[in-house]
Amino acid sequence: MATITQWTQGARPRTLPVAFAPVLAGNGAAAAAGSAHLGRGVLALVVAVALQIGVNFANDYSDGVRGTDDDRVGPFRLVGSGTVRPSAVKTAAWLCFAVAAVAGLVLVVLTRQWWLLAVGMAAIAAAWYYTGGTRPYGYRALGEVSVFVFFGLVAVLGTVYVQAEEITAAAAVTAVAVGAPICALLVVNNIRDAPKDAEAGKRTLAVVMGDQNSRRLYAALMVLPLALVPALIVIAGGWTALALLAGPLMARTTAPVLKGETGVALIPALQGTSMSALLFAVLLAAGLGLS
């Protein structure tokens, strides 16, 4: 029987900063629009965190039953290690999705924007079918697109919309800026796993693009948030320049990826990418709020 520590490891808590980041940034954009609402912001955070943990369990289950995780570098796998029955991990994933669904439903009722139900259903479907189902899109080089859309654009703009009931220009630029490093996290994860993924028939973007092109994509995604700050300064005000303070951490995190580090040597880059996304979002949220 798995211990609480093993279940916690299976939930991959080090990925949670990328669930916090878009919601924090979205709250900052809502504040900049004069429409911050603490209760709705917290509910949006519950949705994001529950979805992130749910997708982590779903990936553990789906990759585990396919044998993709039988010989893998990286975080502890519940199914791949043989520690937990696949059915139990699958149940854990759907319990997390249920929590996200309930919190999302409360937001829909509060805002009376019933079309948001479709957005929530799409987010849960995207979380499950990333590696689940008979034709997982994560095995077809579409994982990064989905992460950018749902954990970047949808998470930021959704957080803004349930508070301000509009999408501002600052919110749109913020969504792209915050979505980029979150997407970069999956890119560097797939760079690390590319050799094993290729053997297992899992065609991630890193497998399709090749090692060097994937590393260049990662670097571009880490630079993009900083490149968008001048636009935010013009749109929302000078305080958004605070986000540039995340630049040194982003640079340090990108360096080993561009140098060609592989395997376990990329684990610090994974952690650094996650923290870079969170730091950038926190600073940008503060800047938006002050502006």
C-alpha atoms as a PDB file:
ATOM      1  CA  MET A   1       0.000   0.000   0.000  1.00  0.00           C
ATOM      2  CA  ALA A   2       1.317   3.423  -0.966  1.00  0.00           C
ATOM      3  CA  THR A   3       2.202   5.878   1.773  1.00  0.00           C
ATOM      4  CA  ILE A   4       0.955   9.449   2.003  1.00  0.00           C
ATOM      5  CA  THR A   5       4.424  10.574   0.965  1.00  0.00           C
ATOM      6  CA  GLN A   6       4.273   8.451  -2.188  1.00  0.00           C
ATOM      7  CA  TRP A   7       0.810   9.764  -3.065  1.00  0.00           C
ATOM      8  CA  THR A   8       2.119  13.280  -2.549  1.00  0.00           C
ATOM      9  CA  GLN A   9       5.061  12.558  -4.845  1.00  0.00           C
ATOM     10  CA  GLY A  10       2.632  11.118  -7.401  1.00  0.00           C
ATOM     11  CA  ALA A  11       0.675  14.371  -7.343  1.00  0.00           C
ATOM     12  CA  ARG A  12       3.926  16.108  -8.427  1.00  0.00           C
ATOM     13  CA  PRO A  13       3.718  19.156  -6.140  1.00  0.00           C
ATOM     14  CA  ARG A  14       6.638  20.790  -7.924  1.00  0.00           C
ATOM     15  CA  THR A  15       4.313  21.407 -10.876  1.00  0.00           C
ATOM     16  CA  LEU A  16       1.829  23.380  -8.760  1.00  0.00           C
ATOM     17  CA  PRO A  17       3.514  26.775  -9.272  1.00  0.00           C
ATOM     18  CA  VAL A  18       2.286  26.650 -12.874  1.00  0.00           C
ATOM     19  CA  ALA A  19      -1.271  26.281 -11.558  1.00  0.00           C
ATOM     20  CA  PHE A  20      -0.870  29.266  -9.244  1.00  0.00           C
ATOM     21  CA  ALA A  21       0.890  31.460 -11.812  1.00  0.00           C
ATOM     22  CA  PRO A  22      -1.944  32.095 -14.318  1.00  0.00           C
ATOM     23  CA  VAL A  23      -4.545  32.662 -11.610  1.00  0.00           C
ATOM     24  CA  LEU A  24      -2.345  35.128  -9.747  1.00  0.00           C
ATOM     25  CA  ALA A  25      -1.639  36.984 -12.979  1.00  0.00           C
ATOM     26  CA  GLY A  26      -5.324  36.929 -13.857  1.00  0.00           C
ATOM     27  CA  ASN A  27      -6.189  38.395 -10.468  1.00  0.00           C
ATOM     28  CA  GLY A  28      -3.676  41.160 -11.127  1.00  0.00           C
ATOM     29  CA  ALA A  29      -5.276  41.894 -14.494  1.00  0.00           C
ATOM     30  CA  ALA A  30      -8.712  41.931 -12.866  1.00  0.00           C
ATOM     31  CA  ALA A  31      -7.411  44.395 -10.275  1.00  0.00           C
ATOM     32  CA  ALA A  32      -6.000  46.572 -13.060  1.00  0.00           C
ATOM     33  CA  ALA A  33      -9.505  46.624 -14.550  1.00  0.00           C
ATOM     34  CA  GLY A  34     -10.920  47.699 -11.173  1.00  0.00           C
ATOM     35  CA  SER A  35     -12.858  44.454 -10.772  1.00  0.00           C
ATOM     36  CA  ALA A  36     -10.910  42.285  -8.321  1.00  0.00           C
ATOM     37  CA  HIS A  37     -13.122  39.854  -6.387  1.00  0.00           C
ATOM     38  CA  LEU A  38     -11.328  37.773  -3.737  1.00  0.00           C
ATOM     39  CA  GLY A  39     -13.908  34.975  -3.507  1.00  0.00           C
ATOM     40  CA  ARG A  40     -14.047  34.388  -7.242  1.00  0.00           C
ATOM     41  CA  GLY A  41     -10.275  34.580  -7.472  1.00  0.00           C
ATOM     42  CA  VAL A  42      -9.929  31.856  -4.838  1.00  0.00           C
ATOM     43  CA  LEU A  43     -12.439  29.638  -6.653  1.00  0.00           C
ATOM     44  CA  ALA A  44     -10.468  30.072  -9.868  1.00  0.00           C
ATOM     45  CA  LEU A  45      -7.352  28.982  -7.986  1.00  0.00           C
ATOM     46  CA  VAL A  46      -9.128  25.850  -6.712  1.00  0.00           C
ATOM     47  CA  VAL A  47     -10.094  24.989 -10.289  1.00  0.00           C
ATOM     48  CA  ALA A  48      -6.529  25.435 -11.553  1.00  0.00           C
ATOM     49  CA  VAL A  49      -4.839  23.484  -8.745  1.00  0.00           C
ATOM     50  CA  ALA A  50      -7.366  20.628  -8.876  1.00  0.00           C
ATOM     51  CA  LEU A  51      -6.939  20.351 -12.640  1.00  0.00           C
ATOM     52  CA  GLN A  52      -3.143  20.341 -12.337  1.00  0.00           C
ATOM     53  CA  ILE A  53      -3.125  17.567  -9.737  1.00  0.00           C
ATOM     54  CA  GLY A  54      -5.785  15.706 -11.699  1.00  0.00           C
ATOM     55  CA  VAL A  55      -3.784  15.795 -14.929  1.00  0.00           C
ATOM     56  CA  ASN A  56      -0.690  14.616 -13.040  1.00  0.00           C
ATOM     57  CA  PHE A  57      -2.558  11.578 -11.726  1.00  0.00           C
ATOM     58  CA  ALA A  58      -4.190  11.006 -15.130  1.00  0.00           C
ATOM     59  CA  ASN A  59      -0.779  11.020 -16.833  1.00  0.00           C
ATOM     60  CA  ASP A  60       0.619   8.684 -14.183  1.00  0.00           C
ATOM     61  CA  TYR A  61      -2.257   6.278 -14.824  1.00  0.00           C
ATOM     62  CA  SER A  62      -2.302   6.420 -18.621  1.00  0.00           C
ATOM     63  CA  ASP A  63       1.467   6.299 -19.138  1.00  0.00           C
ATOM     64  CA  GLY A  64       1.732   3.600 -16.483  1.00  0.00           C
ATOM     65  CA  VAL A  65      -0.776   1.210 -18.055  1.00  0.00           C
ATOM     66  CA  ARG A  66       0.839   1.736 -21.470  1.00  0.00           C
ATOM     67  CA  GLY A  67       4.280   0.927 -20.109  1.00  0.00           C
ATOM     68  CA  THR A  68       5.687   4.323 -21.048  1.00  0.00           C
ATOM     69  CA  ASP A  69       6.865   4.884 -17.453  1.00  0.00           C
ATOM     70  CA  ASP A  70       8.556   1.508 -16.965  1.00  0.00           C
ATOM     71  CA  ASP A  71      12.048   3.006 -17.250  1.00  0.00           C
ATOM     72  CA  ARG A  72      11.808   6.741 -16.713  1.00  0.00           C
ATOM     73  CA  VAL A  73      14.024   9.516 -15.340  1.00  0.00           C
ATOM     74  CA  GLY A  74      12.184  12.022 -13.179  1.00  0.00           C
ATOM     75  CA  PRO A  75       9.512  12.129 -10.479  1.00  0.00           C
ATOM     76  CA  PHE A  76       8.135   9.061  -8.734  1.00  0.00           C
ATOM     77  CA  ARG A  77       5.384   7.263 -10.670  1.00  0.00           C
ATOM     78  CA  LEU A  78       2.635   5.517  -8.741  1.00  0.00           C
ATOM     79  CA  VAL A  79       1.582   3.093 -11.482  1.00  0.00           C
ATOM     80  CA  GLY A  80       4.911   2.757 -13.306  1.00  0.00           C
ATOM     81  CA  SER A  81       6.644   1.801 -10.049  1.00  0.00           C
ATOM     82  CA  GLY A  82       3.998  -0.826  -9.298  1.00  0.00           C
ATOM     83  CA  THR A  83       3.259   0.832  -5.948  1.00  0.00           C
ATOM     84  CA  VAL A  84      -0.444   1.605  -6.550  1.00  0.00           C
ATOM     85  CA  ARG A  85      -3.129  -0.152  -8.564  1.00  0.00           C
ATOM     86  CA  PRO A  86      -3.928   1.708 -11.798  1.00  0.00           C
ATOM     87  CA  SER A  87      -7.623   1.878 -10.900  1.00  0.00           C
ATOM     88  CA  ALA A  88      -6.818   3.757  -7.676  1.00  0.00           C
ATOM     89  CA  VAL A  89      -4.734   6.364  -9.524  1.00  0.00           C
ATOM     90  CA  LYS A  90      -7.472   6.746 -12.147  1.00  0.00           C
ATOM     91  CA  THR A  91     -10.009   7.328  -9.370  1.00  0.00           C
ATOM     92  CA  ALA A  92      -7.735   9.940  -7.778  1.00  0.00           C
ATOM     93  CA  ALA A  93      -7.527  11.777 -11.100  1.00  0.00           C
ATOM     94  CA  TRP A  94     -11.282  11.901 -11.525  1.00  0.00           C
ATOM     95  CA  LEU A  95     -11.806  12.987  -7.924  1.00  0.00           C
ATOM     96  CA  CYS A  96      -9.545  15.965  -8.642  1.00  0.00           C
ATOM     97  CA  PHE A  97     -11.481  16.711 -11.828  1.00  0.00           C
ATOM     98  CA  ALA A  98     -14.696  16.567  -9.777  1.00  0.00           C
ATOM     99  CA  VAL A  99     -13.327  19.149  -7.329  1.00  0.00           C
ATOM    100  CA  ALA A 100     -12.414  21.402 -10.250  1.00  0.00           C
ATOM    101  CA  ALA A 101     -15.870  20.902 -11.753  1.00  0.00           C
ATOM    102  CA  VAL A 102     -17.670  21.836  -8.525  1.00  0.00           C
ATOM    103  CA  ALA A 103     -15.582  24.977  -8.009  1.00  0.00           C
ATOM    104  CA  GLY A 104     -16.094  25.895 -11.649  1.00  0.00           C
ATOM    105  CA  LEU A 105     -19.838  25.354 -11.383  1.00  0.00           C
ATOM    106  CA  VAL A 106     -19.994  27.731  -8.425  1.00  0.00           C
ATOM    107  CA  LEU A 107     -18.241  30.356 -10.537  1.00  0.00           C
ATOM    108  CA  VAL A 108     -20.707  29.809 -13.365  1.00  0.00           C
ATOM    109  CA  VAL A 109     -23.649  30.232 -10.996  1.00  0.00           C
ATOM    110  CA  LEU A 110     -22.158  33.378  -9.477  1.00  0.00           C
ATOM    111  CA  THR A 111     -21.468  34.967 -12.861  1.00  0.00           C
ATOM    112  CA  ARG A 112     -24.504  33.496 -14.672  1.00  0.00           C
ATOM    113  CA  GLN A 113     -22.261  32.999 -17.673  1.00  0.00           C
ATOM    114  CA  TRP A 114     -23.537  29.525 -18.535  1.00  0.00           C
ATOM    115  CA  TRP A 115     -21.363  29.169 -21.622  1.00  0.00           C
ATOM    116  CA  LEU A 116     -18.403  28.807 -19.262  1.00  0.00           C
ATOM    117  CA  LEU A 117     -19.655  25.273 -18.569  1.00  0.00           C
ATOM    118  CA  ALA A 118     -18.434  24.316 -22.030  1.00  0.00           C
ATOM    119  CA  VAL A 119     -15.016  25.807 -21.283  1.00  0.00           C
ATOM    120  CA  GLY A 120     -14.780  23.780 -18.083  1.00  0.00           C
ATOM    121  CA  MET A 121     -15.797  20.564 -19.822  1.00  0.00           C
ATOM    122  CA  ALA A 122     -13.197  21.210 -22.530  1.00  0.00           C
ATOM    123  CA  ALA A 123     -10.496  21.756 -19.888  1.00  0.00           C
ATOM    124  CA  ILE A 124     -11.299  18.451 -18.150  1.00  0.00           C
ATOM    125  CA  ALA A 125     -11.396  16.616 -21.484  1.00  0.00           C
ATOM    126  CA  ALA A 126      -8.039  18.119 -22.433  1.00  0.00           C
ATOM    127  CA  ALA A 127      -6.571  17.052 -19.085  1.00  0.00           C
ATOM    128  CA  TRP A 128      -7.723  13.449 -19.486  1.00  0.00           C
ATOM    129  CA  TYR A 129      -7.052  12.909 -23.185  1.00  0.00           C
ATOM    130  CA  TYR A 130      -3.527  14.331 -23.009  1.00  0.00           C
ATOM    131  CA  THR A 131      -2.317  10.796 -22.360  1.00  0.00           C
ATOM    132  CA  GLY A 132      -5.681   9.037 -21.869  1.00  0.00           C
ATOM    133  CA  GLY A 133      -8.076   7.389 -24.287  1.00  0.00           C
ATOM    134  CA  THR A 134      -7.247   5.421 -27.400  1.00  0.00           C
ATOM    135  CA  ARG A 135      -5.689   8.359 -29.286  1.00  0.00           C
ATOM    136  CA  PRO A 136      -3.948  10.590 -26.716  1.00  0.00           C
ATOM    137  CA  TYR A 137      -2.970  13.894 -28.284  1.00  0.00           C
ATOM    138  CA  GLY A 138       0.089  14.141 -26.026  1.00  0.00           C
ATOM    139  CA  TYR A 139       1.506  11.263 -28.074  1.00  0.00           C
ATOM    140  CA  ARG A 140       0.976  13.324 -31.229  1.00  0.00           C
ATOM    141  CA  ALA A 141       3.041  16.421 -30.437  1.00  0.00           C
ATOM    142  CA  LEU A 142       0.049  18.507 -29.317  1.00  0.00           C
ATOM    143  CA  GLY A 143       0.717  18.628 -25.584  1.00  0.00           C
ATOM    144  CA  GLU A 144       2.441  22.008 -25.630  1.00  0.00           C
ATOM    145  CA  VAL A 145      -0.400  23.578 -27.598  1.00  0.00           C
ATOM    146  CA  SER A 146      -2.938  22.327 -25.065  1.00  0.00           C
ATOM    147  CA  VAL A 147      -0.880  23.501 -22.088  1.00  0.00           C
ATOM    148  CA  PHE A 148      -0.474  26.972 -23.588  1.00  0.00           C
ATOM    149  CA  VAL A 149      -4.201  27.211 -24.351  1.00  0.00           C
ATOM    150  CA  PHE A 150      -5.647  25.825 -21.111  1.00  0.00           C
ATOM    151  CA  PHE A 151      -2.999  26.596 -18.471  1.00  0.00           C
ATOM    152  CA  GLY A 152      -2.088  29.892 -20.094  1.00  0.00           C
ATOM    153  CA  LEU A 153      -4.820  31.581 -22.088  1.00  0.00           C
ATOM    154  CA  VAL A 154      -7.903  29.970 -20.543  1.00  0.00           C
ATOM    155  CA  ALA A 155      -6.608  30.101 -16.955  1.00  0.00           C
ATOM    156  CA  VAL A 156      -5.593  33.773 -17.103  1.00  0.00           C
ATOM    157  CA  LEU A 157      -8.505  35.040 -19.183  1.00  0.00           C
ATOM    158  CA  GLY A 158     -10.991  32.885 -17.288  1.00  0.00           C
ATOM    159  CA  THR A 159      -9.781  34.289 -13.972  1.00  0.00           C
ATOM    160  CA  VAL A 160     -10.178  37.811 -15.322  1.00  0.00           C
ATOM    161  CA  TYR A 161     -13.554  37.180 -16.907  1.00  0.00           C
ATOM    162  CA  VAL A 162     -15.257  35.675 -13.850  1.00  0.00           C
ATOM    163  CA  GLN A 163     -14.366  38.884 -11.979  1.00  0.00           C
ATOM    164  CA  ALA A 164     -14.507  41.674 -14.561  1.00  0.00           C
ATOM    165  CA  GLU A 165     -16.873  39.959 -17.043  1.00  0.00           C
ATOM    166  CA  GLU A 166     -14.732  41.361 -19.849  1.00  0.00           C
ATOM    167  CA  ILE A 167     -11.356  40.671 -21.442  1.00  0.00           C
ATOM    168  CA  THR A 168      -9.049  43.671 -21.397  1.00  0.00           C
ATOM    169  CA  ALA A 169      -5.994  44.246 -23.594  1.00  0.00           C
ATOM    170  CA  ALA A 170      -3.769  43.917 -20.534  1.00  0.00           C
ATOM    171  CA  ALA A 171      -5.375  40.558 -19.734  1.00  0.00           C
ATOM    172  CA  ALA A 172      -4.802  39.272 -23.272  1.00  0.00           C
ATOM    173  CA  VAL A 173      -1.098  40.185 -23.260  1.00  0.00           C
ATOM    174  CA  THR A 174      -0.735  38.809 -19.732  1.00  0.00           C
ATOM    175  CA  ALA A 175      -2.246  35.488 -20.821  1.00  0.00           C
ATOM    176  CA  VAL A 176       0.350  35.073 -23.571  1.00  0.00           C
ATOM    177  CA  ALA A 177       3.218  36.202 -21.339  1.00  0.00           C
ATOM    178  CA  VAL A 178       2.310  33.806 -18.514  1.00  0.00           C
ATOM    179  CA  GLY A 179       1.362  30.936 -20.815  1.00  0.00           C
ATOM    180  CA  ALA A 180       4.779  30.919 -22.490  1.00  0.00           C
ATOM    181  CA  PRO A 181       6.934  29.743 -19.540  1.00  0.00           C
ATOM    182  CA  ILE A 182       4.224  27.277 -18.502  1.00  0.00           C
ATOM    183  CA  CYS A 183       4.447  25.811 -21.989  1.00  0.00           C
ATOM    184  CA  ALA A 184       8.248  25.873 -21.673  1.00  0.00           C
ATOM    185  CA  LEU A 185       7.968  23.601 -18.627  1.00  0.00           C
ATOM    186  CA  LEU A 186       6.421  20.851 -20.745  1.00  0.00           C
ATOM    187  CA  VAL A 187       8.971  21.456 -23.501  1.00  0.00           C
ATOM    188  CA  VAL A 188      11.949  20.894 -21.186  1.00  0.00           C
ATOM    189  CA  ASN A 189      10.205  17.929 -19.552  1.00  0.00           C
ATOM    190  CA  ASN A 190       9.785  16.344 -22.982  1.00  0.00           C
ATOM    191  CA  ILE A 191      13.392  17.159 -23.940  1.00  0.00           C
ATOM    192  CA  ARG A 192      14.502  15.211 -20.873  1.00  0.00           C
ATOM    193  CA  ASP A 193      12.220  12.276 -21.692  1.00  0.00           C
ATOM    194  CA  ALA A 194      12.675  12.296 -25.494  1.00  0.00           C
ATOM    195  CA  PRO A 195      14.942   9.205 -25.779  1.00  0.00           C
ATOM    196  CA  LYS A 196      12.606   7.022 -23.701  1.00  0.00           C
ATOM    197  CA  ASP A 197       9.506   8.518 -25.320  1.00  0.00           C
ATOM    198  CA  ALA A 198      10.834   7.719 -28.798  1.00  0.00           C
ATOM    199  CA  GLU A 199      11.471   4.102 -27.757  1.00  0.00           C
ATOM    200  CA  ALA A 200       7.938   3.834 -26.343  1.00  0.00           C
ATOM    201  CA  GLY A 201       6.340   5.323 -29.469  1.00  0.00           C
ATOM    202  CA  LYS A 202       5.317   8.517 -27.696  1.00  0.00           C
ATOM    203  CA  ARG A 203       5.777  11.260 -30.303  1.00  0.00           C
ATOM    204  CA  THR A 204       6.009  14.394 -28.207  1.00  0.00           C
ATOM    205  CA  LEU A 205       6.955  17.723 -29.742  1.00  0.00           C
ATOM    206  CA  ALA A 206      10.549  17.177 -28.600  1.00  0.00           C
ATOM    207  CA  VAL A 207      10.667  13.844 -30.435  1.00  0.00           C
ATOM    208  CA  VAL A 208       9.188  15.360 -33.602  1.00  0.00           C
ATOM    209  CA  MET A 209      11.249  18.586 -33.614  1.00  0.00           C
ATOM    210  CA  GLY A 210      14.510  17.044 -32.525  1.00  0.00           C
ATOM    211  CA  ASP A 211      16.776  17.978 -29.642  1.00  0.00           C
ATOM    212  CA  GLN A 212      18.317  21.235 -30.851  1.00  0.00           C
ATOM    213  CA  ASN A 213      15.116  22.754 -32.240  1.00  0.00           C
ATOM    214  CA  SER A 214      13.290  21.861 -29.022  1.00  0.00           C
ATOM    215  CA  ARG A 215      15.931  23.633 -26.967  1.00  0.00           C
ATOM    216  CA  ARG A 216      15.627  26.726 -29.157  1.00  0.00           C
ATOM    217  CA  LEU A 217      11.852  26.649 -28.723  1.00  0.00           C
ATOM    218  CA  TYR A 218      12.300  26.433 -24.963  1.00  0.00           C
ATOM    219  CA  ALA A 219      14.599  29.470 -24.969  1.00  0.00           C
ATOM    220  CA  ALA A 220      12.141  31.453 -27.110  1.00  0.00           C
ATOM    221  CA  LEU A 221       9.297  30.661 -24.721  1.00  0.00           C
ATOM    222  CA  MET A 222      11.397  31.858 -21.776  1.00  0.00           C
ATOM    223  CA  VAL A 223      12.321  35.105 -23.534  1.00  0.00           C
ATOM    224  CA  LEU A 224       8.803  35.897 -24.779  1.00  0.00           C
ATOM    225  CA  PRO A 225       7.356  36.967 -21.377  1.00  0.00           C
ATOM    226  CA  LEU A 226      10.123  39.522 -20.883  1.00  0.00           C
ATOM    227  CA  ALA A 227       9.729  40.749 -24.468  1.00  0.00           C
ATOM    228  CA  LEU A 228       6.036  41.436 -23.821  1.00  0.00           C
ATOM    229  CA  VAL A 229       6.622  43.559 -20.721  1.00  0.00           C
ATOM    230  CA  PRO A 230       7.142  46.797 -22.735  1.00  0.00           C
ATOM    231  CA  ALA A 231       3.709  46.302 -24.275  1.00  0.00           C
ATOM    232  CA  LEU A 232       2.224  45.889 -20.808  1.00  0.00           C
ATOM    233  CA  ILE A 233       3.980  49.029 -19.626  1.00  0.00           C
ATOM    234  CA  VAL A 234       2.264  50.956 -22.426  1.00  0.00           C
ATOM    235  CA  ILE A 235      -1.131  49.309 -21.881  1.00  0.00           C
ATOM    236  CA  ALA A 236      -1.303  49.021 -18.098  1.00  0.00           C
ATOM    237  CA  GLY A 237       1.360  51.294 -16.639  1.00  0.00           C
ATOM    238  CA  GLY A 238       4.977  51.439 -15.548  1.00  0.00           C
ATOM    239  CA  TRP A 239       4.607  49.236 -12.472  1.00  0.00           C
ATOM    240  CA  THR A 240       4.339  46.184 -14.728  1.00  0.00           C
ATOM    241  CA  ALA A 241       8.104  46.601 -15.318  1.00  0.00           C
ATOM    242  CA  LEU A 242       8.450  44.749 -12.004  1.00  0.00           C
ATOM    243  CA  ALA A 243       8.048  41.551 -14.009  1.00  0.00           C
ATOM    244  CA  LEU A 244      11.473  42.139 -15.554  1.00  0.00           C
ATOM    245  CA  LEU A 245      12.988  41.235 -12.183  1.00  0.00           C
ATOM    246  CA  ALA A 246      12.261  37.603 -13.085  1.00  0.00           C
ATOM    247  CA  GLY A 247      14.766  37.908 -15.925  1.00  0.00           C
ATOM    248  CA  PRO A 248      17.890  36.722 -14.042  1.00  0.00           C
ATOM    249  CA  LEU A 249      16.177  33.534 -12.833  1.00  0.00           C
ATOM    250  CA  MET A 250      14.867  32.859 -16.333  1.00  0.00           C
ATOM    251  CA  ALA A 251      18.356  33.329 -17.765  1.00  0.00           C
ATOM    252  CA  ARG A 252      19.972  30.993 -15.219  1.00  0.00           C
ATOM    253  CA  THR A 253      17.296  28.381 -15.861  1.00  0.00           C
ATOM    254  CA  THR A 254      17.655  28.574 -19.646  1.00  0.00           C
ATOM    255  CA  ALA A 255      21.459  28.302 -19.689  1.00  0.00           C
ATOM    256  CA  PRO A 256      21.794  24.538 -18.995  1.00  0.00           C
ATOM    257  CA  VAL A 257      19.068  23.748 -21.517  1.00  0.00           C
ATOM    258  CA  LEU A 258      20.925  25.620 -24.257  1.00  0.00           C
ATOM    259  CA  LYS A 259      24.201  24.003 -23.173  1.00  0.00           C
ATOM    260  CA  GLY A 260      22.747  20.592 -23.974  1.00  0.00           C
ATOM    261  CA  GLU A 261      22.282  19.069 -20.525  1.00  0.00           C
ATOM    262  CA  THR A 262      20.344  15.785 -20.586  1.00  0.00           C
ATOM    263  CA  GLY A 263      18.575  13.332 -18.276  1.00  0.00           C
ATOM    264  CA  VAL A 264      18.731  14.030 -14.557  1.00  0.00           C
ATOM    265  CA  ALA A 265      20.870  17.112 -15.227  1.00  0.00           C
ATOM    266  CA  LEU A 266      17.717  18.777 -16.593  1.00  0.00           C
ATOM    267  CA  ILE A 267      15.745  18.325 -13.377  1.00  0.00           C
ATOM    268  CA  PRO A 268      17.009  21.672 -11.977  1.00  0.00           C
ATOM    269  CA  ALA A 269      15.845  23.286 -15.220  1.00  0.00           C
ATOM    270  CA  LEU A 270      12.382  21.840 -14.647  1.00  0.00           C
ATOM    271  CA  GLN A 271      12.292  23.262 -11.143  1.00  0.00           C
ATOM    272  CA  GLY A 272      13.713  26.579 -12.318  1.00  0.00           C
ATOM    273  CA  THR A 273      11.187  26.865 -15.143  1.00  0.00           C
ATOM    274  CA  SER A 274       8.315  26.261 -12.758  1.00  0.00           C
ATOM    275  CA  MET A 275       9.615  28.864 -10.303  1.00  0.00           C
ATOM    276  CA  SER A 276      10.371  31.317 -13.121  1.00  0.00           C
ATOM    277  CA  ALA A 277       6.763  31.112 -14.288  1.00  0.00           C
ATOM    278  CA  LEU A 278       5.524  31.699 -10.737  1.00  0.00           C
ATOM    279  CA  LEU A 279       7.941  34.565 -10.005  1.00  0.00           C
ATOM    280  CA  PHE A 280       7.113  36.312 -13.275  1.00  0.00           C
ATOM    281  CA  ALA A 281       3.378  35.949 -12.572  1.00  0.00           C
ATOM    282  CA  VAL A 282       3.675  37.227  -8.994  1.00  0.00           C
ATOM    283  CA  LEU A 283       5.688  40.256 -10.056  1.00  0.00           C
ATOM    284  CA  LEU A 284       3.387  40.982 -12.969  1.00  0.00           C
ATOM    285  CA  ALA A 285       0.301  40.606 -10.775  1.00  0.00           C
ATOM    286  CA  ALA A 286       1.790  43.070  -8.308  1.00  0.00           C
ATOM    287  CA  GLY A 287       2.645  45.474 -11.108  1.00  0.00           C
ATOM    288  CA  LEU A 288      -0.829  45.244 -12.613  1.00  0.00           C
ATOM    289  CA  GLY A 289      -2.435  45.784  -9.230  1.00  0.00           C
ATOM    290  CA  LEU A 290      -0.271  48.817  -8.469  1.00  0.00           C
ATOM    291  CA  SER A 291      -0.934  50.263 -11.912  1.00  0.00           C
END
